[in-house]
C-alpha atoms as a PDB file:
ATOM      1  CA  MET A   1      12.463  -3.119 -14.890  1.00  0.00           C
ATOM      2  CA  ILE A   2      10.537  -6.376 -14.957  1.00  0.00           C
ATOM      3  CA  ASN A   3      11.684  -7.301 -11.428  1.00  0.00           C
ATOM      4  CA  SER A   4      11.728  -5.156  -8.294  1.00  0.00           C
ATOM      5  CA  PHE A   5      15.117  -3.841  -7.150  1.00  0.00           C
ATOM      6  CA  PHE A   6      15.713  -2.467  -3.675  1.00  0.00           C
ATOM      7  CA  PHE A   7      18.947  -0.519  -3.321  1.00  0.00           C
ATOM      8  CA  ILE A   8      19.986  -0.273   0.318  1.00  0.00           C
ATOM      9  CA  SER A   9      22.497   2.086   1.877  1.00  0.00           C
ATOM     10  CA  ASP A  10      23.721   2.720   5.423  1.00  0.00           C
ATOM     11  CA  THR A  11      25.058   6.147   4.438  1.00  0.00           C
ATOM     12  CA  PHE A  12      22.717   9.088   3.999  1.00  0.00           C
ATOM     13  CA  PHE A  13      22.985  10.325   0.433  1.00  0.00           C
ATOM     14  CA  GLU A  14      20.502  11.423  -2.196  1.00  0.00           C
ATOM     15  CA  PRO A  15      20.253   8.891  -5.033  1.00  0.00           C
ATOM     16  CA  ASP A  16      19.784   9.897  -8.649  1.00  0.00           C
ATOM     17  CA  LYS A  17      16.104  10.889  -8.792  1.00  0.00           C
ATOM     18  CA  ASN A  18      15.897  10.175 -12.527  1.00  0.00           C
ATOM     19  CA  LEU A  19      16.783   6.543 -11.878  1.00  0.00           C
ATOM     20  CA  LEU A  20      14.306   6.336  -9.023  1.00  0.00           C
ATOM     21  CA  GLY A  21      11.647   7.466 -11.455  1.00  0.00           C
ATOM     22  CA  GLU A  22      11.999   4.198 -13.347  1.00  0.00           C
ATOM     23  CA  ASP A  23       9.437   1.569 -12.510  1.00  0.00           C
ATOM     24  CA  ASN A  24      10.430  -1.081  -9.952  1.00  0.00           C
ATOM     25  CA  ILE A  25      13.567   0.702  -8.677  1.00  0.00           C
ATOM     26  CA  TYR A  26      13.354   1.562  -4.990  1.00  0.00           C
ATOM     27  CA  PHE A  27      15.699   3.046  -2.418  1.00  0.00           C
ATOM     28  CA  SER A  28      16.055   2.164   1.251  1.00  0.00           C
ATOM     29  CA  PHE A  29      18.171   3.274   4.207  1.00  0.00           C
ATOM     30  CA  LEU A  30      19.743   0.672   6.490  1.00  0.00           C
ATOM     31  CA  VAL A  31      19.548   1.484  10.222  1.00  0.00           C
ATOM     32  CA  ASN A  32      19.868  -0.407  13.474  1.00  0.00           C
ATOM     33  CA  PRO A  33      16.613   0.163  15.412  1.00  0.00           C
ATOM     34  CA  SER A  34      18.390  -0.732  18.670  1.00  0.00           C
ATOM     35  CA  ILE A  35      20.388   2.505  18.335  1.00  0.00           C
ATOM     36  CA  LYS A  36      17.922   5.366  18.808  1.00  0.00           C
ATOM     37  CA  GLU A  37      20.386   7.921  17.403  1.00  0.00           C
ATOM     38  CA  SER A  38      20.359   6.082  14.068  1.00  0.00           C
ATOM     39  CA  LEU A  39      16.585   6.411  13.753  1.00  0.00           C
ATOM     40  CA  ASP A  40      16.755  10.045  14.924  1.00  0.00           C
ATOM     41  CA  ASN A  41      19.403  10.988  12.376  1.00  0.00           C
ATOM     42  CA  LEU A  42      17.600   9.256   9.511  1.00  0.00           C
ATOM     43  CA  TYR A  43      14.259  10.822  10.429  1.00  0.00           C
ATOM     44  CA  ASN A  44      15.794  14.305  10.505  1.00  0.00           C
ATOM     45  CA  PHE A  45      17.588  13.701   7.202  1.00  0.00           C
ATOM     46  CA  THR A  46      14.559  12.400   5.299  1.00  0.00           C
ATOM     47  CA  GLU A  47      12.230  15.020   6.778  1.00  0.00           C
ATOM     48  CA  ARG A  48      14.634  17.711   5.606  1.00  0.00           C
ATOM     49  CA  ILE A  49      15.130  16.331   2.072  1.00  0.00           C
ATOM     50  CA  LYS A  50      11.526  15.357   1.168  1.00  0.00           C
ATOM     51  CA  LEU A  51      12.481  14.940  -2.485  1.00  0.00           C
ATOM     52  CA  PHE A  52      12.436  11.186  -3.056  1.00  0.00           C
ATOM     53  CA  GLU A  53      10.669   8.130  -1.747  1.00  0.00           C
ATOM     54  CA  PHE A  54      12.524   5.807   0.597  1.00  0.00           C
ATOM     55  CA  ALA A  55      11.864   2.762   2.769  1.00  0.00           C
ATOM     56  CA  LEU A  56      13.373   1.480   5.990  1.00  0.00           C
ATOM     57  CA  THR A  57      15.687  -1.507   6.100  1.00  0.00           C
ATOM     58  CA  LEU A  58      16.097  -2.504   9.735  1.00  0.00           C
ATOM     59  CA  ASP A  59      19.358  -4.213  10.678  1.00  0.00           C
ATOM     60  CA  ILE A  60      18.086  -6.607  13.342  1.00  0.00           C
ATOM     61  CA  HIS A  61      20.531  -7.770  16.031  1.00  0.00           C
ATOM     62  CA  GLU A  62      18.021  -8.069  18.867  1.00  0.00           C
ATOM     63  CA  ALA A  63      14.265  -7.939  19.327  1.00  0.00           C
ATOM     64  CA  PRO A  64      13.083  -4.315  18.978  1.00  0.00           C
ATOM     65  CA  THR A  65      11.544  -2.621  21.999  1.00  0.00           C
ATOM     66  CA  GLU A  66       8.057  -1.134  21.984  1.00  0.00           C
ATOM     67  CA  GLU A  67       9.631   2.335  21.976  1.00  0.00           C
ATOM     68  CA  SER A  68      11.655   1.585  18.845  1.00  0.00           C
ATOM     69  CA  ILE A  69       8.613   0.056  17.117  1.00  0.00           C
ATOM     70  CA  LYS A  70       6.663   3.254  17.822  1.00  0.00           C
ATOM     71  CA  PHE A  71       9.511   5.283  16.333  1.00  0.00           C
ATOM     72  CA  ILE A  72       9.570   3.001  13.285  1.00  0.00           C
ATOM     73  CA  MET A  73       5.837   3.590  12.834  1.00  0.00           C
ATOM     74  CA  SER A  74       6.393   7.364  12.821  1.00  0.00           C
ATOM     75  CA  PHE A  75       8.283   7.004   9.516  1.00  0.00           C
ATOM     76  CA  LEU A  76       5.153   5.616   7.863  1.00  0.00           C
ATOM     77  CA  PHE A  77       3.430   8.977   8.333  1.00  0.00           C
ATOM     78  CA  LEU A  78       6.042  10.821   6.251  1.00  0.00           C
ATOM     79  CA  PRO A  79       4.700  11.828   2.794  1.00  0.00           C
ATOM     80  CA  CYS A  80       7.924  10.603   1.184  1.00  0.00           C
ATOM     81  CA  TYR A  81       7.799   7.133   2.708  1.00  0.00           C
ATOM     82  CA  LEU A  82       7.730   4.401   0.064  1.00  0.00           C
ATOM     83  CA  ARG A  83       4.425   2.718  -0.714  1.00  0.00           C
ATOM     84  CA  ILE A  84       3.925   0.010  -3.298  1.00  0.00           C
ATOM     85  CA  GLU A  85       0.323  -0.268  -4.465  1.00  0.00           C
ATOM     86  CA  GLN A  86      -0.654   1.955  -1.496  1.00  0.00           C
ATOM     87  CA  GLN A  87       1.110  -0.409   0.932  1.00  0.00           C
ATOM     88  CA  PRO A  88       4.027   0.873   3.055  1.00  0.00           C
ATOM     89  CA  LEU A  89       7.082  -1.363   2.952  1.00  0.00           C
ATOM     90  CA  ILE A  90       9.675  -2.308   5.593  1.00  0.00           C
ATOM     91  CA  ASN A  91      12.724  -4.534   5.021  1.00  0.00           C
ATOM     92  CA  LEU A  92      14.280  -6.643   7.768  1.00  0.00           C
ATOM     93  CA  SER A  93      17.922  -7.692   7.510  1.00  0.00           C
ATOM     94  CA  GLY A  94      19.875  -9.966   9.868  1.00  0.00           C
ATOM     95  CA  THR A  95      21.766 -13.193  10.366  1.00  0.00           C
ATOM     96  CA  SER A  96      19.146 -15.058  12.439  1.00  0.00           C
ATOM     97  CA  GLN A  97      16.074 -16.264  10.595  1.00  0.00           C
ATOM     98  CA  GLU A  98      14.297 -16.924  13.876  1.00  0.00           C
ATOM     99  CA  LEU A  99      14.894 -13.373  15.093  1.00  0.00           C
ATOM    100  CA  LEU A 100      13.727 -11.919  11.774  1.00  0.00           C
ATOM    101  CA  VAL A 101      10.500 -13.916  11.945  1.00  0.00           C
ATOM    102  CA  LYS A 102       9.834 -12.809  15.547  1.00  0.00           C
ATOM    103  CA  THR A 103      10.567  -9.184  14.680  1.00  0.00           C
ATOM    104  CA  SER A 104       8.277  -9.367  11.657  1.00  0.00           C
ATOM    105  CA  SER A 105       5.456 -10.744  13.819  1.00  0.00           C
ATOM    106  CA  ALA A 106       5.953  -8.068  16.490  1.00  0.00           C
ATOM    107  CA  LEU A 107       5.953  -5.277  13.903  1.00  0.00           C
ATOM    108  CA  THR A 108       2.889  -6.633  12.126  1.00  0.00           C
ATOM    109  CA  ALA A 109       0.936  -7.012  15.372  1.00  0.00           C
ATOM    110  CA  TYR A 110       1.709  -3.509  16.630  1.00  0.00           C
ATOM    111  CA  LEU A 111       1.207  -1.744  13.292  1.00  0.00           C
ATOM    112  CA  SER A 112      -2.102  -3.565  12.781  1.00  0.00           C
ATOM    113  CA  SER A 113      -3.279  -2.390  16.194  1.00  0.00           C
ATOM    114  CA  GLN A 114      -2.549   1.176  15.064  1.00  0.00           C
ATOM    115  CA  GLY A 115      -4.459   0.871  11.777  1.00  0.00           C
ATOM    116  CA  PHE A 116      -1.608  -0.161   9.432  1.00  0.00           C
ATOM    117  CA  ASN A 117      -3.080  -3.455   8.272  1.00  0.00           C
ATOM    118  CA  ASN A 118      -1.395  -3.702   4.883  1.00  0.00           C
ATOM    119  CA  VAL A 119       2.333  -3.231   5.550  1.00  0.00           C
ATOM    120  CA  ILE A 120       4.664  -5.237   3.294  1.00  0.00           C
ATOM    121  CA  ILE A 121       7.541  -6.768   5.280  1.00  0.00           C
ATOM    122  CA  ASN A 122      10.468  -8.345   3.421  1.00  0.00           C
ATOM    123  CA  ARG A 123      13.009 -10.473   5.256  1.00  0.00           C
ATOM    124  CA  PHE A 124      16.477 -11.286   3.981  1.00  0.00           C
ATOM    125  CA  THR A 125      19.691 -12.619   5.435  1.00  0.00           C
ATOM    126  CA  ARG A 126      23.277 -11.595   4.855  1.00  0.00           C
ATOM    127  CA  SER A 127      24.129 -15.174   3.889  1.00  0.00           C
ATOM    128  CA  ALA A 128      23.611 -17.176   0.729  1.00  0.00           C
ATOM    129  CA  ASP A 129      20.878 -19.307   2.307  1.00  0.00           C
ATOM    130  CA  GLN A 130      17.617 -18.670   0.469  1.00  0.00           C
ATOM    131  CA  SER A 131      15.896 -21.909   1.424  1.00  0.00           C
ATOM    132  CA  GLU A 132      13.226 -20.382   3.665  1.00  0.00           C
ATOM    133  CA  THR A 133       9.986 -19.141   2.160  1.00  0.00           C
ATOM    134  CA  ASN A 134       9.501 -15.355   2.330  1.00  0.00           C
ATOM    135  CA  SER A 135      13.223 -14.886   2.937  1.00  0.00           C
ATOM    136  CA  CYS A 136      15.450 -13.282   0.304  1.00  0.00           C
ATOM    137  CA  ARG A 137      19.128 -12.591  -0.118  1.00  0.00           C
ATOM    138  CA  LEU A 138      21.020  -9.322   0.182  1.00  0.00           C
ATOM    139  CA  PHE A 139      23.729  -8.939  -2.465  1.00  0.00           C
ATOM    140  CA  ILE A 140      26.892  -7.099  -1.461  1.00  0.00           C
ATOM    141  CA  SER A 141      28.962  -7.447  -4.610  1.00  0.00           C
ATOM    142  CA  SER A 142      27.890  -5.732  -7.827  1.00  0.00           C
ATOM    143  CA  SER A 143      29.432  -8.461  -9.980  1.00  0.00           C
ATOM    144  CA  GLU A 144      27.590 -11.135  -7.974  1.00  0.00           C
ATOM    145  CA  LEU A 145      24.333  -9.206  -8.356  1.00  0.00           C
ATOM    146  CA  LEU A 146      24.684  -8.958 -12.140  1.00  0.00           C
ATOM    147  CA  LYS A 147      25.750 -12.580 -12.503  1.00  0.00           C
ATOM    148  CA  ASN A 148      22.809 -13.759 -10.431  1.00  0.00           C
ATOM    149  CA  TYR A 149      20.335 -11.615 -12.374  1.00  0.00           C
ATOM    150  CA  ARG A 150      21.492 -13.033 -15.696  1.00  0.00           C
ATOM    151  CA  GLN A 151      20.913 -16.507 -14.278  1.00  0.00           C
ATOM    152  CA  VAL A 152      17.468 -15.531 -12.974  1.00  0.00           C
ATOM    153  CA  LEU A 153      16.358 -14.264 -16.392  1.00  0.00           C
ATOM    154  CA  GLN A 154      17.461 -17.547 -17.953  1.00  0.00           C
ATOM    155  CA  SER A 155      15.524 -19.632 -15.413  1.00  0.00           C
ATOM    156  CA  ASP A 156      11.845 -20.485 -15.113  1.00  0.00           C
ATOM    157  CA  GLN A 157      11.587 -17.941 -12.255  1.00  0.00           C
ATOM    158  CA  PHE A 158      12.542 -14.942 -14.349  1.00  0.00           C
ATOM    159  CA  TYR A 159       9.675 -12.713 -13.213  1.00  0.00           C
ATOM    160  CA  ASN A 160       8.259 -11.197 -10.040  1.00  0.00           C
ATOM    161  CA  ASN A 161      11.424 -11.575  -7.962  1.00  0.00           C
ATOM    162  CA  PRO A 162      12.432  -8.875  -5.456  1.00  0.00           C
ATOM    163  CA  VAL A 163      16.185  -8.232  -5.558  1.00  0.00           C
ATOM    164  CA  PHE A 164      18.070  -6.563  -2.678  1.00  0.00           C
ATOM    165  CA  PHE A 165      21.461  -4.926  -3.166  1.00  0.00           C
ATOM    166  CA  TYR A 166      23.710  -2.987  -0.807  1.00  0.00           C
ATOM    167  CA  ALA A 167      24.733   0.266  -2.533  1.00  0.00           C
ATOM    168  CA  HIS A 168      27.075   2.240  -0.272  1.00  0.00           C
ATOM    169  CA  SER A 169      27.482   5.241  -2.584  1.00  0.00           C
ATOM    170  CA  THR A 170      25.798   7.166  -5.388  1.00  0.00           C
ATOM    171  CA  ASP A 171      28.321   5.878  -7.941  1.00  0.00           C
ATOM    172  CA  VAL A 172      27.647   2.248  -7.057  1.00  0.00           C
ATOM    173  CA  PHE A 173      23.912   2.910  -7.274  1.00  0.00           C
ATOM    174  CA  VAL A 174      24.126   4.545 -10.721  1.00  0.00           C
ATOM    175  CA  GLU A 175      26.515   1.965 -12.162  1.00  0.00           C
ATOM    176  CA  SER A 176      24.460  -0.979 -10.882  1.00  0.00           C
ATOM    177  CA  VAL A 177      21.183   0.370 -12.259  1.00  0.00           C
ATOM    178  CA  SER A 178      22.802   1.019 -15.624  1.00  0.00           C
ATOM    179  CA  ALA A 179      24.222  -2.527 -15.781  1.00  0.00           C
ATOM    180  CA  LEU A 180      20.883  -4.082 -14.789  1.00  0.00           C
ATOM    181  CA  GLN A 181      19.092  -2.061 -17.455  1.00  0.00           C
ATOM    182  CA  GLN A 182      21.548  -3.370 -20.052  1.00  0.00           C
ATOM    183  CA  ILE A 183      20.892  -6.965 -18.949  1.00  0.00           C
ATOM    184  CA  GLU A 184      17.150  -6.436 -19.384  1.00  0.00           C
ATOM    185  CA  ARG A 185      17.664  -4.872 -22.822  1.00  0.00           C
ATOM    186  CA  GLU A 186      19.548  -8.007 -23.841  1.00  0.00           C
ATOM    187  CA  PHE A 187      16.707 -10.130 -22.465  1.00  0.00           C
ATOM    188  CA  LYS A 188      14.179  -8.048 -24.436  1.00  0.00           C
ATOM    189  CA  GLU A 189      16.168  -8.479 -27.651  1.00  0.00           C
ATOM    190  CA  SER A 190      16.451 -12.226 -27.136  1.00  0.00           C
ATOM    191  CA  TYR A 191      12.836 -12.783 -26.073  1.00  0.00           C
ATOM    192  CA  PRO A 192      10.740  -9.854 -27.373  1.00  0.00           C
ATOM    193  CA  LYS A 193       7.363 -11.620 -27.155  1.00  0.00           C
ATOM    194  CA  LEU A 194       8.034 -12.882 -23.639  1.00  0.00           C
ATOM    195  CA  TYR A 195       9.158  -9.404 -22.579  1.00  0.00           C
ATOM    196  CA  THR A 196       5.945  -7.896 -23.952  1.00  0.00           C
ATOM    197  CA  LEU A 197       3.827 -10.517 -22.171  1.00  0.00           C
ATOM    198  CA  ILE A 198       5.596  -9.765 -18.886  1.00  0.00           C
ATOM    199  CA  ASN A 199       4.890  -6.043 -19.180  1.00  0.00           C
ATOM    200  CA  ASN A 200       1.255  -6.692 -20.127  1.00  0.00           C
ATOM    201  CA  ASN A 201       0.916  -8.975 -17.121  1.00  0.00           C
ATOM    202  CA  ARG A 202       2.365  -6.306 -14.845  1.00  0.00           C
ATOM    203  CA  MET A 203      -0.179  -3.789 -16.098  1.00  0.00           C
ATOM    204  CA  LEU A 204      -3.009  -6.255 -15.471  1.00  0.00           C
ATOM    205  CA  GLU A 205      -1.702  -6.956 -11.966  1.00  0.00           C
ATOM    206  CA  LYS A 206      -1.721  -3.233 -11.195  1.00  0.00           C
ATOM    207  CA  GLU A 207      -5.285  -2.920 -12.474  1.00  0.00           C
ATOM    208  CA  VAL A 208      -6.386  -5.899 -10.391  1.00  0.00           C
ATOM    209  CA  GLY A 209      -4.747  -4.301  -7.365  1.00  0.00           C
ATOM    210  CA  ARG A 210      -6.520  -1.005  -8.028  1.00  0.00           C
ATOM    211  CA  LEU A 211      -9.892  -2.736  -8.359  1.00  0.00           C
ATOM    212  CA  ARG A 212      -9.255  -4.805  -5.227  1.00  0.00           C
ATOM    213  CA  ARG A 213      -8.486  -1.640  -3.226  1.00  0.00           C
ATOM    214  CA  LYS A 214     -11.600   0.030  -4.625  1.00  0.00           C
ATOM    215  CA  MET A 215     -13.696  -2.959  -3.546  1.00  0.00           C
ATOM    216  CA  VAL A 216     -12.213  -2.835  -0.033  1.00  0.00           C
ATOM    217  CA  TYR A 217     -12.866   0.916   0.244  1.00  0.00           C
ATOM    218  CA  THR A 218     -16.452   0.413  -0.962  1.00  0.00           C
ATOM    219  CA  GLU A 219     -17.057  -2.374   1.554  1.00  0.00           C
ATOM    220  CA  ASP A 220     -15.624  -0.191   4.332  1.00  0.00           C
ATOM    221  CA  GLU A 221     -17.862   2.703   3.320  1.00  0.00           C
ATOM    222  CA  LEU A 222     -20.953   0.479   3.273  1.00  0.00           C
ATOM    223  CA  ASN A 223     -20.057  -0.897   6.700  1.00  0.00           C
ATOM    224  CA  HIS A 224     -19.614   2.631   8.037  1.00  0.00           C
ATOM    225  CA  GLN A 225     -22.998   3.662   6.635  1.00  0.00           C
ATOM    226  CA  LYS A 226     -24.616   0.594   8.190  1.00  0.00           C
ATOM    227  CA  GLN A 227     -23.032   1.363  11.561  1.00  0.00           C
ATOM    228  CA  TYR A 228     -24.157   4.980  11.278  1.00  0.00           C
ATOM    229  CA  ASN A 229     -27.741   3.923  10.531  1.00  0.00           C
ATOM    230  CA  ASP A 230     -27.674   1.424  13.374  1.00  0.00           C
ATOM    231  CA  ILE A 231     -26.578   4.166  15.748  1.00  0.00           C
ATOM    232  CA  LEU A 232     -29.321   6.486  14.533  1.00  0.00           C
ATOM    233  CA  ARG A 233     -31.956   3.802  14.879  1.00  0.00           C
ATOM    234  CA  SER A 234     -30.752   2.892  18.346  1.00  0.00           C
ATOM    235  CA  GLU A 235     -31.487   6.394  19.688  1.00  0.00           C
ATOM    236  CA  HIS A 236     -34.757   6.585  21.656  1.00  0.00           C
ATOM    237  CA  SER A 237     -36.062   9.697  19.866  1.00  0.00           C
ATOM    238  CA  THR A 238     -35.381   8.214  16.439  1.00  0.00           C
ATOM    239  CA  LYS A 239     -37.127   4.977  17.336  1.00  0.00           C
ATOM    240  CA  GLU A 240     -40.138   6.926  18.629  1.00  0.00           C
ATOM    241  CA  LEU A 241     -40.303   8.995  15.441  1.00  0.00           C
ATOM    242  CA  GLN A 242     -40.127   5.894  13.235  1.00  0.00           C
ATOM    243  CA  LYS A 243     -42.800   4.220  15.352  1.00  0.00           C
ATOM    244  CA  TYR A 244     -45.095   7.287  15.088  1.00  0.00           C
ATOM    245  CA  TYR A 245     -44.587   7.411  11.295  1.00  0.00           C
ATOM    246  CA  ASP A 246     -45.427   3.721  10.931  1.00  0.00           C
ATOM    247  CA  GLN A 247     -48.557   4.032  13.073  1.00  0.00           C
ATOM    248  CA  GLU A 248     -49.892   7.305  11.659  1.00  0.00           C
ATOM    249  CA  TYR A 249     -48.989   7.094   7.964  1.00  0.00           C
ATOM    250  CA  GLU A 250     -47.966   3.654   6.770  1.00  0.00           C
ATOM    251  CA  ILE A 251     -51.238   2.100   7.981  1.00  0.00           C
ATOM    252  CA  LEU A 252     -53.333   4.499   5.864  1.00  0.00           C
ATOM    253  CA  PRO A 253     -54.954   2.997   2.729  1.00  0.00           C
ATOM    254  CA  LYS A 254     -53.346   3.775  -0.643  1.00  0.00           C
ATOM    255  CA  TRP A 255     -56.427   5.682  -1.961  1.00  0.00           C
ATOM    256  CA  TYR A 256     -56.257   8.012   1.029  1.00  0.00           C
ATOM    257  CA  LYS A 257     -52.587   8.764   0.375  1.00  0.00           C
ATOM    258  CA  ARG A 258     -53.334   9.503  -3.302  1.00  0.00           C
ATOM    259  CA  ILE A 259     -56.041  11.975  -2.344  1.00  0.00           C
ATOM    260  CA  GLY A 260     -53.465  13.692  -0.160  1.00  0.00           C
ATOM    261  CA  HIS A 261     -51.091  14.000  -3.131  1.00  0.00           C
ATOM    262  CA  ILE A 262     -53.880  15.516  -5.271  1.00  0.00           C
ATOM    263  CA  LEU A 263     -54.714  18.020  -2.532  1.00  0.00           C
ATOM    264  CA  LYS A 264     -51.071  19.113  -2.482  1.00  0.00           C
ATOM    265  CA  VAL A 265     -51.252  19.758  -6.249  1.00  0.00           C
ATOM    266  CA  ILE A 266     -54.483  21.770  -5.840  1.00  0.00           C
ATOM    267  CA  THR A 267     -53.003  23.880  -3.022  1.00  0.00           C
ATOM    268  CA  GLY A 268     -49.882  24.516  -5.092  1.00  0.00           C
ATOM    269  CA  LYS A 269     -47.460  22.653  -2.840  1.00  0.00           C
ATOM    270  CA  ARG A 270     -46.660  19.932  -5.372  1.00  0.00           C
ATOM    271  CA  THR A 271     -46.168  19.865  -9.151  1.00  0.00           C
ATOM    272  CA  PHE A 272     -48.767  18.081 -11.283  1.00  0.00           C
ATOM    273  CA  ARG A 273     -46.272  16.182 -13.433  1.00  0.00           C
ATOM    274  CA  SER A 274     -44.672  14.622 -10.341  1.00  0.00           C
ATOM    275  CA  LEU A 275     -47.829  12.516  -9.927  1.00  0.00           C
ATOM    276  CA  PHE A 276     -46.952  10.583 -13.082  1.00  0.00           C
ATOM    277  CA  ARG A 277     -43.154  10.866 -13.409  1.00  0.00           C
ATOM    278  CA  ASP A 278     -40.364  10.203 -10.940  1.00  0.00           C
ATOM    279  CA  ASP A 279     -37.726  12.218 -12.847  1.00  0.00           C
ATOM    280  CA  VAL A 280     -39.267  15.656 -12.247  1.00  0.00           C
ATOM    281  CA  LYS A 281     -39.176  17.952  -9.270  1.00  0.00           C
ATOM    282  CA  LYS A 282     -41.763  16.865  -6.720  1.00  0.00           C
ATOM    283  CA  TYR A 283     -42.332  19.882  -4.501  1.00  0.00           C
ATOM    284  CA  LYS A 284     -42.461  23.580  -5.333  1.00  0.00           C
ATOM    285  CA  ASN A 285     -40.204  25.997  -3.490  1.00  0.00           C
END
């Protein structure tokens, strides 16, 4: 699929895993975080199944408590929790844009404090208002979903749009995916070059994301090594050893050091070739 589709259900059922294997098709469970039993039941269900990836869609009616946010975070540790480009994803659904924004900020702040700095949070309302940036629409009707997607593919915003759809049963999920696939096949037949360019662009975006993550990991590793060296150098014994080395060896003239290397060769402690080449073993066992 050239756009991302999030199928959301408030009933606990196992979706067709073959369909979930298709690129850009994701599944999510809708729960009210204000009702602890809902989170408990979902956690037990998903921990028991462990056969497909899923995300949380939180039905927000009031600001979540710190306890519920902690419980929400526990889902992110599950191996089957959905990650897109290594980033865990949480959806927020509700009727109040203001409450969704506040909830998003509270989640982001707490998760960041616990080391989850790259969580994707989508917000969408159960109304047709899509005027706010970073806010999407949840489709309830399958016919409305398909009609809207045909219109999207005919517009100048035909690519890189997340689509959210409420699928209350396995049959609705399977039928909707099949219909969406047919719409994209028609788009491919009508615009084959454009379809190919979109797929090529998606592949490049994934590669850029992979390289960006690699760069971040490398920078983190270098920072850790620097901190480790700083700690070592800050120790009194290490500083004394470095000071003794600088005073006793580094101040010696170069000719004196070279004589020392030759003496090591004569006494059999060092190989002769190592005096002239850096790619050979220096010291004998």
